[in-house]
Structures are given as structure tokens and as C-alpha cells.
C-alpha atoms as a PDB file:
ATOM      1  CA  MET A   1      32.470  11.311  -7.507  1.00  0.00           C
ATOM      2  CA  LYS A   2      30.336  10.676 -10.378  1.00  0.00           C
ATOM      3  CA  ARG A   3      28.132   8.192  -8.976  1.00  0.00           C
ATOM      4  CA  THR A   4      27.982  10.232  -5.897  1.00  0.00           C
ATOM      5  CA  VAL A   5      26.432  12.805  -8.001  1.00  0.00           C
ATOM      6  CA  TRP A   6      23.983  10.288  -9.649  1.00  0.00           C
ATOM      7  CA  PHE A   7      22.954   9.292  -6.173  1.00  0.00           C
ATOM      8  CA  TRP A   8      21.933  13.019  -5.377  1.00  0.00           C
ATOM      9  CA  LEU A   9      19.941  13.805  -8.327  1.00  0.00           C
ATOM     10  CA  ILE A  10      18.022  10.675  -8.310  1.00  0.00           C
ATOM     11  CA  ALA A  11      16.797  11.236  -4.669  1.00  0.00           C
ATOM     12  CA  ILE A  12      16.014  14.513  -5.348  1.00  0.00           C
ATOM     13  CA  VAL A  13      13.722  13.858  -8.340  1.00  0.00           C
ATOM     14  CA  ILE A  14      12.241  10.855  -6.356  1.00  0.00           C
ATOM     15  CA  THR A  15      11.740  13.791  -3.359  1.00  0.00           C
ATOM     16  CA  LEU A  16      10.366  16.456  -6.171  1.00  0.00           C
ATOM     17  CA  ALA A  17       7.879  13.898  -7.636  1.00  0.00           C
ATOM     18  CA  SER A  18       6.406  12.944  -4.404  1.00  0.00           C
ATOM     19  CA  VAL A  19       5.866  16.110  -2.673  1.00  0.00           C
ATOM     20  CA  VAL A  20       4.153  17.151  -6.495  1.00  0.00           C
ATOM     21  CA  PHE A  21       1.830  14.168  -6.094  1.00  0.00           C
ATOM     22  CA  GLN A  22       1.146  14.235  -2.528  1.00  0.00           C
ATOM     23  CA  ARG A  23       0.399  18.382  -3.013  1.00  0.00           C
ATOM     24  CA  GLN A  24      -1.995  17.903  -5.876  1.00  0.00           C
ATOM     25  CA  SER A  25      -3.982  14.595  -4.383  1.00  0.00           C
ATOM     26  CA  GLY A  26      -4.822  15.713  -1.131  1.00  0.00           C
ATOM     27  CA  PRO A  27      -7.893  17.132  -0.165  1.00  0.00           C
ATOM     28  CA  THR A  28      -6.517  20.770   0.822  1.00  0.00           C
ATOM     29  CA  TYR A  29      -5.464  21.245  -2.445  1.00  0.00           C
ATOM     30  CA  PRO A  30      -8.504  23.671  -4.368  1.00  0.00           C
ATOM     31  CA  LYS A  31     -10.560  21.345  -6.692  1.00  0.00           C
ATOM     32  CA  LYS A  32     -10.504  21.577 -10.250  1.00  0.00           C
ATOM     33  CA  ILE A  33     -13.552  21.896 -12.161  1.00  0.00           C
ATOM     34  CA  ASP A  34     -14.396  22.501 -15.710  1.00  0.00           C
ATOM     35  CA  PHE A  35     -16.762  25.499 -16.337  1.00  0.00           C
ATOM     36  CA  ASN A  36     -19.119  25.109 -19.362  1.00  0.00           C
ATOM     37  CA  VAL A  37     -22.138  27.237 -19.260  1.00  0.00           C
ATOM     38  CA  ASP A  38     -23.298  28.781 -22.769  1.00  0.00           C
ATOM     39  CA  THR A  39     -20.576  30.327 -24.464  1.00  0.00           C
ATOM     40  CA  VAL A  40     -18.400  30.517 -21.141  1.00  0.00           C
ATOM     41  CA  THR A  41     -15.384  28.056 -20.690  1.00  0.00           C
ATOM     42  CA  ALA A  42     -12.925  28.276 -17.885  1.00  0.00           C
ATOM     43  CA  THR A  43     -11.147  25.997 -15.688  1.00  0.00           C
ATOM     44  CA  LEU A  44     -12.411  26.703 -11.943  1.00  0.00           C
ATOM     45  CA  LYS A  45     -10.152  26.001  -8.666  1.00  0.00           C
ATOM     46  CA  LEU A  46     -12.643  25.655  -5.893  1.00  0.00           C
ATOM     47  CA  PRO A  47     -10.275  26.533  -2.344  1.00  0.00           C
ATOM     48  CA  ARG A  48     -10.564  23.285   0.329  1.00  0.00           C
ATOM     49  CA  SER A  49      -8.853  24.672   2.741  1.00  0.00           C
ATOM     50  CA  SER A  50      -8.868  28.595   4.350  1.00  0.00           C
ATOM     51  CA  GLU A  51      -7.915  30.319   7.624  1.00  0.00           C
ATOM     52  CA  VAL A  52     -10.397  31.359  10.214  1.00  0.00           C
ATOM     53  CA  GLY A  53     -11.724  34.820  10.822  1.00  0.00           C
ATOM     54  CA  SER A  54     -11.923  35.922   7.427  1.00  0.00           C
ATOM     55  CA  GLN A  55     -14.906  35.470   4.507  1.00  0.00           C
ATOM     56  CA  LEU A  56     -13.416  33.317   1.810  1.00  0.00           C
ATOM     57  CA  GLN A  57     -14.110  34.795  -1.892  1.00  0.00           C
ATOM     58  CA  ILE A  58     -15.581  32.357  -4.497  1.00  0.00           C
ATOM     59  CA  ALA A  59     -15.302  33.672  -8.197  1.00  0.00           C
ATOM     60  CA  ILE A  60     -16.470  32.889 -11.293  1.00  0.00           C
ATOM     61  CA  PRO A  61     -16.217  34.041 -14.980  1.00  0.00           C
ATOM     62  CA  ILE A  62     -18.584  36.810 -15.949  1.00  0.00           C
ATOM     63  CA  LEU A  63     -21.951  35.275 -16.589  1.00  0.00           C
ATOM     64  CA  PRO A  64     -24.113  35.921 -19.851  1.00  0.00           C
ATOM     65  CA  TRP A  65     -27.224  38.456 -18.498  1.00  0.00           C
ATOM     66  CA  GLU A  66     -29.817  35.579 -19.020  1.00  0.00           C
ATOM     67  CA  TYR A  67     -27.793  33.386 -15.881  1.00  0.00           C
ATOM     68  CA  THR A  68     -28.093  33.651 -12.123  1.00  0.00           C
ATOM     69  CA  ALA A  69     -25.781  32.177  -9.631  1.00  0.00           C
ATOM     70  CA  LYS A  70     -25.883  31.386  -6.168  1.00  0.00           C
ATOM     71  CA  LEU A  71     -23.705  29.819  -3.551  1.00  0.00           C
ATOM     72  CA  HIS A  72     -24.896  26.829  -1.067  1.00  0.00           C
ATOM     73  CA  HIS A  73     -23.322  25.905   1.798  1.00  0.00           C
ATOM     74  CA  ARG A  74     -23.772  24.512   5.282  1.00  0.00           C
ATOM     75  CA  PRO A  75     -21.905  22.845   7.914  1.00  0.00           C
ATOM     76  CA  TYR A  76     -19.842  19.358   7.174  1.00  0.00           C
ATOM     77  CA  PRO A  77     -20.544  16.879   8.033  1.00  0.00           C
ATOM     78  CA  SER A  78     -24.116  17.121   9.058  1.00  0.00           C
ATOM     79  CA  ASN A  79     -27.850  16.799   7.476  1.00  0.00           C
ATOM     80  CA  SER A  80     -28.833  20.815   7.975  1.00  0.00           C
ATOM     81  CA  ASP A  81     -30.101  22.538   5.693  1.00  0.00           C
ATOM     82  CA  TRP A  82     -28.179  24.506   2.765  1.00  0.00           C
ATOM     83  CA  THR A  83     -27.949  27.948   3.310  1.00  0.00           C
ATOM     84  CA  VAL A  84     -27.911  29.882   0.095  1.00  0.00           C
ATOM     85  CA  GLU A  85     -26.424  33.303  -0.328  1.00  0.00           C
ATOM     86  CA  PRO A  86     -27.426  36.307  -2.449  1.00  0.00           C
ATOM     87  CA  SER A  87     -26.155  35.937  -5.925  1.00  0.00           C
ATOM     88  CA  PHE A  88     -23.140  36.070  -7.232  1.00  0.00           C
ATOM     89  CA  TRP A  89     -22.853  39.765  -8.141  1.00  0.00           C
ATOM     90  CA  PRO A  90     -20.148  41.384 -10.718  1.00  0.00           C
ATOM     91  CA  GLU A  91     -16.098  42.786  -9.732  1.00  0.00           C
ATOM     92  CA  GLU A  92     -14.279  43.809 -11.855  1.00  0.00           C
ATOM     93  CA  ASP A  93     -13.593  40.799 -14.432  1.00  0.00           C
ATOM     94  CA  LYS A  94     -15.725  38.240 -12.597  1.00  0.00           C
ATOM     95  CA  PHE A  95     -18.665  37.138 -10.144  1.00  0.00           C
ATOM     96  CA  VAL A  96     -17.823  36.621  -7.059  1.00  0.00           C
ATOM     97  CA  SER A  97     -19.643  35.526  -3.501  1.00  0.00           C
ATOM     98  CA  TYR A  98     -18.544  34.856  -0.169  1.00  0.00           C
ATOM     99  CA  LEU A  99     -18.570  31.914   1.986  1.00  0.00           C
ATOM    100  CA  PRO A 100     -19.366  32.895   5.851  1.00  0.00           C
ATOM    101  CA  GLU A 101     -16.765  33.862   8.054  1.00  0.00           C
ATOM    102  CA  VAL A 102     -16.097  30.694  10.067  1.00  0.00           C
ATOM    103  CA  ASN A 103     -13.664  31.441  13.602  1.00  0.00           C
ATOM    104  CA  GLN A 104     -13.945  27.869  15.195  1.00  0.00           C
ATOM    105  CA  LYS A 105     -10.364  25.757  14.004  1.00  0.00           C
ATOM    106  CA  ALA A 106     -11.004  22.679  12.418  1.00  0.00           C
ATOM    107  CA  ALA A 107     -14.354  23.348  11.479  1.00  0.00           C
ATOM    108  CA  LYS A 108     -15.721  22.421   7.838  1.00  0.00           C
ATOM    109  CA  LEU A 109     -18.077  23.589   5.763  1.00  0.00           C
ATOM    110  CA  GLU A 110     -19.327  21.988   2.195  1.00  0.00           C
ATOM    111  CA  TYR A 111     -20.685  24.139  -0.918  1.00  0.00           C
ATOM    112  CA  PHE A 112     -21.453  24.335  -3.878  1.00  0.00           C
ATOM    113  CA  ILE A 113     -22.377  26.399  -7.111  1.00  0.00           C
ATOM    114  CA  GLU A 114     -25.667  26.409  -8.857  1.00  0.00           C
ATOM    115  CA  ILE A 115     -26.488  28.835 -12.151  1.00  0.00           C
ATOM    116  CA  GLU A 116     -29.909  28.712 -13.392  1.00  0.00           C
ATOM    117  CA  HIS A 117     -31.183  30.161 -16.850  1.00  0.00           C
ATOM    118  CA  PHE A 118     -34.075  33.264 -16.102  1.00  0.00           C
ATOM    119  CA  THR A 119     -36.172  31.615 -18.946  1.00  0.00           C
ATOM    120  CA  SER A 120     -35.412  28.078 -19.256  1.00  0.00           C
ATOM    121  CA  ASP A 121     -35.559  24.752 -16.920  1.00  0.00           C
ATOM    122  CA  GLU A 122     -31.967  24.550 -17.166  1.00  0.00           C
ATOM    123  CA  VAL A 123     -29.821  24.067 -14.133  1.00  0.00           C
ATOM    124  CA  VAL A 124     -26.490  23.435 -13.612  1.00  0.00           C
ATOM    125  CA  LYS A 125     -24.340  22.566 -10.150  1.00  0.00           C
ATOM    126  CA  LEU A 126     -20.992  22.841  -9.879  1.00  0.00           C
ATOM    127  CA  PRO A 127     -19.561  20.333  -8.900  1.00  0.00           C
ATOM    128  CA  GLU A 128     -21.794  17.612  -9.079  1.00  0.00           C
ATOM    129  CA  GLU A 129     -20.341  16.729  -5.419  1.00  0.00           C
ATOM    130  CA  PRO A 130     -20.176  19.535  -3.048  1.00  0.00           C
ATOM    131  CA  VAL A 131     -16.469  20.657  -2.242  1.00  0.00           C
ATOM    132  CA  VAL A 132     -15.634  20.370   1.509  1.00  0.00           C
ATOM    133  CA  ILE A 133     -13.468  23.390   3.142  1.00  0.00           C
ATOM    134  CA  ARG A 134     -11.605  23.066   6.420  1.00  0.00           C
ATOM    135  CA  TYR A 135     -10.691  25.804   8.128  1.00  0.00           C
ATOM    136  CA  LYS A 136      -7.142  26.134  10.452  1.00  0.00           C
ATOM    137  CA  GLY A 137      -5.844  28.567  12.171  1.00  0.00           C
ATOM    138  CA  SER A 138      -2.808  30.826  11.615  1.00  0.00           C
ATOM    139  CA  VAL A 139       0.738  29.373  11.939  1.00  0.00           C
ATOM    140  CA  PRO A 140       3.427  31.609  12.431  1.00  0.00           C
ATOM    141  CA  ALA A 141       6.392  31.570   9.714  1.00  0.00           C
ATOM    142  CA  TRP A 142       8.839  30.473  12.883  1.00  0.00           C
ATOM    143  CA  ALA A 143       6.866  26.883  13.405  1.00  0.00           C
ATOM    144  CA  LEU A 144       5.644  26.636   9.887  1.00  0.00           C
ATOM    145  CA  ILE A 145       8.817  27.256   7.950  1.00  0.00           C
ATOM    146  CA  PRO A 146      11.154  24.791   9.846  1.00  0.00           C
ATOM    147  CA  HIS A 147       8.815  22.243   9.649  1.00  0.00           C
ATOM    148  CA  ILE A 148       8.545  21.949   5.776  1.00  0.00           C
ATOM    149  CA  ILE A 149      12.418  22.426   5.462  1.00  0.00           C
ATOM    150  CA  PHE A 150      13.383  19.726   7.468  1.00  0.00           C
ATOM    151  CA  ILE A 151      10.645  17.291   6.549  1.00  0.00           C
ATOM    152  CA  PHE A 152      11.533  18.128   3.231  1.00  0.00           C
ATOM    153  CA  ILE A 153      15.414  17.392   3.245  1.00  0.00           C
ATOM    154  CA  ALA A 154      14.704  14.151   5.376  1.00  0.00           C
ATOM    155  CA  LEU A 155      12.766  13.010   2.267  1.00  0.00           C
ATOM    156  CA  ILE A 156      15.704  13.690  -0.071  1.00  0.00           C
ATOM    157  CA  PHE A 157      18.216  11.822   2.784  1.00  0.00           C
ATOM    158  CA  SER A 158      15.655   9.032   2.940  1.00  0.00           C
ATOM    159  CA  SER A 159      15.834   8.365  -0.591  1.00  0.00           C
ATOM    160  CA  LEU A 160      19.419   8.899  -0.884  1.00  0.00           C
ATOM    161  CA  SER A 161      20.167   6.258   1.999  1.00  0.00           C
ATOM    162  CA  GLY A 162      17.742   4.007  -0.058  1.00  0.00           C
ATOM    163  CA  VAL A 163      19.259   4.540  -3.688  1.00  0.00           C
ATOM    164  CA  MET A 164      23.213   4.200  -1.746  1.00  0.00           C
ATOM    165  CA  ALA A 165      21.674   0.993   0.154  1.00  0.00           C
ATOM    166  CA  ALA A 166      20.624  -0.403  -3.546  1.00  0.00           C
ATOM    167  CA  PHE A 167      24.088  -0.107  -4.800  1.00  0.00           C
ATOM    168  CA  SER A 168      25.582  -1.264  -1.918  1.00  0.00           C
ATOM    169  CA  TYR A 169      27.375   2.189  -0.957  1.00  0.00           C
ATOM    170  CA  ASP A 170      28.288   2.548   2.459  1.00  0.00           C
ATOM    171  CA  LYS A 171      27.661   6.307   3.467  1.00  0.00           C
ATOM    172  CA  TYR A 172      24.055   4.984   3.614  1.00  0.00           C
ATOM    173  CA  ARG A 173      24.061   4.262   7.014  1.00  0.00           C
ATOM    174  CA  PHE A 174      25.034   7.905   7.810  1.00  0.00           C
ATOM    175  CA  TRP A 175      22.557   9.463   5.821  1.00  0.00           C
ATOM    176  CA  SER A 176      19.847   7.371   7.459  1.00  0.00           C
ATOM    177  CA  LEU A 177      20.639   9.006  10.869  1.00  0.00           C
ATOM    178  CA  VAL A 178      20.891  12.076   9.423  1.00  0.00           C
ATOM    179  CA  THR A 179      17.385  11.166   7.941  1.00  0.00           C
ATOM    180  CA  LEU A 180      15.894  10.056  11.628  1.00  0.00           C
ATOM    181  CA  ILE A 181      17.268  13.337  13.127  1.00  0.00           C
ATOM    182  CA  LEU A 182      15.502  15.433  10.889  1.00  0.00           C
ATOM    183  CA  ILE A 183      12.303  13.606  11.079  1.00  0.00           C
ATOM    184  CA  PHE A 184      12.129  13.748  14.412  1.00  0.00           C
ATOM    185  CA  ILE A 185      12.734  17.671  14.575  1.00  0.00           C
ATOM    186  CA  GLY A 186      10.171  18.680  11.784  1.00  0.00           C
ATOM    187  CA  GLY A 187       7.894  15.824  12.459  1.00  0.00           C
ATOM    188  CA  LEU A 188       7.891  15.452  15.880  1.00  0.00           C
ATOM    189  CA  VAL A 189       9.049  18.328  17.340  1.00  0.00           C
ATOM    190  CA  PHE A 190       7.989  21.138  15.094  1.00  0.00           C
ATOM    191  CA  GLY A 191       4.632  19.037  13.762  1.00  0.00           C
ATOM    192  CA  PRO A 192       2.786  19.457  17.053  1.00  0.00           C
ATOM    193  CA  ILE A 193       4.129  23.036  17.425  1.00  0.00           C
ATOM    194  CA  VAL A 194       2.188  23.244  14.030  1.00  0.00           C
ATOM    195  CA  GLN A 195      -0.815  21.201  14.784  1.00  0.00           C
ATOM    196  CA  LYS A 196      -1.683  23.284  17.646  1.00  0.00           C
ATOM    197  CA  PHE A 197      -1.484  26.426  15.930  1.00  0.00           C
ATOM    198  CA  ALA A 198      -3.783  25.372  12.935  1.00  0.00           C
ATOM    199  CA  PHE A 199      -5.968  22.821  15.190  1.00  0.00           C
ATOM    200  CA  ASP A 200      -5.757  23.771  18.678  1.00  0.00           C
ATOM    201  CA  HIS A 201      -4.483  20.306  19.737  1.00  0.00           C
ATOM    202  CA  PHE A 202      -0.650  19.448  19.788  1.00  0.00           C
ATOM    203  CA  TRP A 203      -1.150  15.643  18.818  1.00  0.00           C
ATOM    204  CA  THR A 204      -4.143  13.402  17.540  1.00  0.00           C
ATOM    205  CA  GLY A 205      -2.409  10.824  16.403  1.00  0.00           C
ATOM    206  CA  PHE A 206      -1.762   7.040  18.027  1.00  0.00           C
ATOM    207  CA  PRO A 207      -2.055   6.721  21.143  1.00  0.00           C
ATOM    208  CA  LEU A 208      -4.578   9.715  21.695  1.00  0.00           C
ATOM    209  CA  GLY A 209      -6.222   9.532  18.031  1.00  0.00           C
ATOM    210  CA  LYS A 210      -6.285   8.476  14.508  1.00  0.00           C
ATOM    211  CA  ASP A 211      -5.055  11.770  12.748  1.00  0.00           C
ATOM    212  CA  LEU A 212      -3.193  10.330   9.858  1.00  0.00           C
ATOM    213  CA  THR A 213      -0.728  13.472   9.480  1.00  0.00           C
ATOM    214  CA  ASP A 214       0.796  12.648  13.022  1.00  0.00           C
ATOM    215  CA  ASN A 215       0.452   8.654  12.636  1.00  0.00           C
ATOM    216  CA  LYS A 216       2.304   9.012   8.971  1.00  0.00           C
ATOM    217  CA  THR A 217       4.969  11.018  10.929  1.00  0.00           C
ATOM    218  CA  LEU A 218       5.240   8.586  13.613  1.00  0.00           C
ATOM    219  CA  ILE A 219       5.496   5.528  11.332  1.00  0.00           C
ATOM    220  CA  MET A 220       8.243   6.732   9.294  1.00  0.00           C
ATOM    221  CA  PHE A 221      10.102   7.727  12.619  1.00  0.00           C
ATOM    222  CA  VAL A 222       9.633   4.434  13.867  1.00  0.00           C
ATOM    223  CA  ILE A 223      11.020   2.673  10.131  1.00  0.00           C
ATOM    224  CA  TRP A 224      14.082   4.325  10.440  1.00  0.00           C
ATOM    225  CA  LEU A 225      14.945   3.505  13.783  1.00  0.00           C
ATOM    226  CA  ILE A 226      14.162  -0.328  12.852  1.00  0.00           C
ATOM    227  CA  ALA A 227      16.228   0.482   9.378  1.00  0.00           C
ATOM    228  CA  ILE A 228      19.181   1.832  11.676  1.00  0.00           C
ATOM    229  CA  LEU A 229      19.376  -0.640  14.510  1.00  0.00           C
ATOM    230  CA  VAL A 230      19.410  -3.561  12.241  1.00  0.00           C
ATOM    231  CA  ASN A 231      22.304  -1.903  10.346  1.00  0.00           C
ATOM    232  CA  TRP A 232      24.230  -0.930  13.635  1.00  0.00           C
ATOM    233  CA  LYS A 233      26.863  -3.223  13.797  1.00  0.00           C
ATOM    234  CA  ARG A 234      26.115  -5.067  10.618  1.00  0.00           C
ATOM    235  CA  SER A 235      25.210  -4.268   6.973  1.00  0.00           C
ATOM    236  CA  VAL A 236      22.166  -4.780   5.611  1.00  0.00           C
ATOM    237  CA  PRO A 237      21.624  -2.600   2.971  1.00  0.00           C
ATOM    238  CA  MET A 238      17.969  -4.234   1.672  1.00  0.00           C
ATOM    239  CA  VAL A 239      16.423  -3.161   5.191  1.00  0.00           C
ATOM    240  CA  THR A 240      17.379   0.740   4.115  1.00  0.00           C
ATOM    241  CA  VAL A 241      15.705   0.134   0.539  1.00  0.00           C
ATOM    242  CA  LEU A 242      12.655  -1.253   2.337  1.00  0.00           C
ATOM    243  CA  ALA A 243      12.507   1.909   4.617  1.00  0.00           C
ATOM    244  CA  ALA A 244      13.030   4.469   1.815  1.00  0.00           C
ATOM    245  CA  ILE A 245      10.346   2.486   0.113  1.00  0.00           C
ATOM    246  CA  PHE A 246       8.216   2.926   2.744  1.00  0.00           C
ATOM    247  CA  THR A 247       8.868   6.188   3.491  1.00  0.00           C
ATOM    248  CA  LEU A 248       7.526   7.431  -0.286  1.00  0.00           C
ATOM    249  CA  ILE A 249       4.576   5.121  -0.009  1.00  0.00           C
ATOM    250  CA  ILE A 250       3.167   6.684   3.238  1.00  0.00           C
ATOM    251  CA  TYR A 251       4.711  10.237   2.199  1.00  0.00           C
ATOM    252  CA  CYS A 252       2.455  10.001  -0.696  1.00  0.00           C
ATOM    253  CA  ILE A 253      -1.210   9.576   1.258  1.00  0.00           C
ATOM    254  CA  PRO A 254      -2.696  12.322   1.477  1.00  0.00           C
ATOM    255  CA  HIS A 255      -2.724  12.926   5.289  1.00  0.00           C
ATOM    256  CA  SER A 256      -5.607  15.434   5.785  1.00  0.00           C
ATOM    257  CA  LEU A 257      -7.804  12.557   4.665  1.00  0.00           C
ATOM    258  CA  ARG A 258      -8.140  11.577   8.011  1.00  0.00           C
ATOM    259  CA  GLY A 259      -7.494  14.927  10.081  1.00  0.00           C
ATOM    260  CA  SER A 260      -8.447  16.872  12.733  1.00  0.00           C
ATOM    261  CA  GLU A 261     -12.434  17.842  12.684  1.00  0.00           C
ATOM    262  CA  PHE A 262     -14.751  19.759  14.442  1.00  0.00           C
ATOM    263  CA  SER A 263     -17.920  17.963  15.414  1.00  0.00           C
ATOM    264  CA  TYR A 264     -21.001  20.221  15.495  1.00  0.00           C
ATOM    265  CA  GLU A 265     -22.647  17.139  17.320  1.00  0.00           C
ATOM    266  CA  SER A 266     -20.189  17.358  20.241  1.00  0.00           C
ATOM    267  CA  GLY A 267     -18.383  20.647  20.083  1.00  0.00           C
ATOM    268  CA  GLU A 268     -15.261  19.155  20.141  1.00  0.00           C
ATOM    269  CA  ILE A 269     -12.441  18.786  17.685  1.00  0.00           C
ATOM    270  CA  VAL A 270     -12.365  14.996  16.621  1.00  0.00           C
ATOM    271  CA  THR A 271     -10.733  12.762  14.073  1.00  0.00           C
ATOM    272  CA  GLY A 272     -12.664  13.432  10.439  1.00  0.00           C
ATOM    273  CA  MET A 273     -12.635  11.544   7.337  1.00  0.00           C
ATOM    274  CA  ILE A 274     -13.386  12.866   3.785  1.00  0.00           C
ATOM    275  CA  THR A 275     -13.629   9.935   1.092  1.00  0.00           C
ATOM    276  CA  TYR A 276     -10.462   9.378  -1.056  1.00  0.00           C
ATOM    277  CA  LEU A 277     -12.951   9.755  -4.345  1.00  0.00           C
ATOM    278  CA  LYS A 278     -13.892  13.268  -2.753  1.00  0.00           C
ATOM    279  CA  ALA A 279     -10.599  14.472  -1.949  1.00  0.00           C
ATOM    280  CA  PHE A 280      -8.670  13.422  -5.571  1.00  0.00           C
ATOM    281  CA  PHE A 281     -11.593  14.078  -7.999  1.00  0.00           C
END
């Protein structure tokens, strides 16, 4: 009994750590940058994901009177000229500006803030590389919540199966089957529904496209299907250990690095790519 409790605890800790890493390393997580202008110091969180149909506020700390800040943005990817919004204006205890309303799902903009000193040549660009933001449709709770819950529990049972298999605890085969079922329901049933609401397509992974989120889900499903088939009539715990390890590695890859993207040239939603360095730093 005590050993089983330890198996569960280890599985939960591993899962929570992987979820936190995946969340913070992905290109949809707000980009944190250090803000240092004159005597003003702060950490900004610049959004990299938003819903269509509304203007998005970009806020910075209140600047000394001799500074002005402007928001620059343009469609991504493109080589078009930058659109410059009017100077940031005071609102409550901050300076604000707004990105334009975007109504196209999977459309992206890139933007940065430029701060100038009135009486000198000092110009500060924040950040040095523009931030890329992607717009998505609203996903109803009845689709999003089951998707998140099933995938999260599947990750716990995946880790649990791997830990149990590593210690040759026979119930790993049962939890492997539960893992496969949960990946199927959360990833291959509710996943496409969420994708349709967010980006107007049910499936953009293999063989229809190169969407990393869909392909990661498909690979995890196939890995656990193979592990279950190998262990169906005989016990080969190492296969399950490897399946659990591969699942963690695959899950921790930031899926939105290669996701649905609106092409301004073709007018269609395609598979886009954001470089890992831009996404992570």
C-alpha cells in the first residue's frame, strides 16, 4: 500500500513539473521582459495570444514627462511597413495603447514598443525582437474543460504506468490502457473540437498537415497503443517505461511553435512556424 502511494506521488509531481515547463516555454505564454527607463523599473508581460474580435491593451509603467512611447505592429509573417499607434496615454496607474481588433482566426501580428526621450537621441526598443501574437476563436467551456482534464489525467496515468513498470508492479498494464483511452478522448475527440472553434479546422496534423499539437497527440496515442499491444500477452515493462518517457518528452515540446497560421498571401489558414529562440526567450 505504501509503495502504491509513492507511485502516485511521483507520477503527480512529474506531471505537474512537465505542465509548468510546457506552459512557460511555449510561444503563447506572455513574454516577460525587464523594463528599465530612467528611474522606472518593472517586469513587463507582453501577451502572445488573444481572442479575435477585441482590441488588446498593452500597458507599461508611467514614464517621466520627458519620455514618450509608441506601439508598432504589422501582420506576421510579412515585410509590410510598421503601423505606429498614437503615443501611450495615461490610464489609472499606467500608460496604455491598443493593438488593432483582429477578426481572422489564426492571424498573427508582431509588435514592439519604442520609447524616445524628447531632448536627446535616446531610443529604447522593447523587446529587441518583436513579439508575435496569434489570435484564436473563443472555445466554449464544454469543449475546452474536458480536453484539458482528460489530457492532464492521461499524463498522470502515463507517468504512473511508467513508474510502476520500472518497479515491475503488474498493474502498470491496466493504467497503460486507461492512459490510451484518456489520450483518445481528450486528444483525438475533444482536441479536434477545440481546434475547430479556435482555428476553424478539426485536424491539421498528419496526413493533412504539419500542426505540431495534432501530431504530438497522434504520436502519443500510437506510442501507448504499441506499448499495450506488446504487453498484451506477456509482460515487457521496459516498453511501458520508454512510452512514459517519450510521452513526457513529446508533451514538453511547445506545441504552438508549429501551429495554425493565417497566410496573408494566400488568404488561407496554413501551418506556421515560430522559431524556438523567439518563442522561448
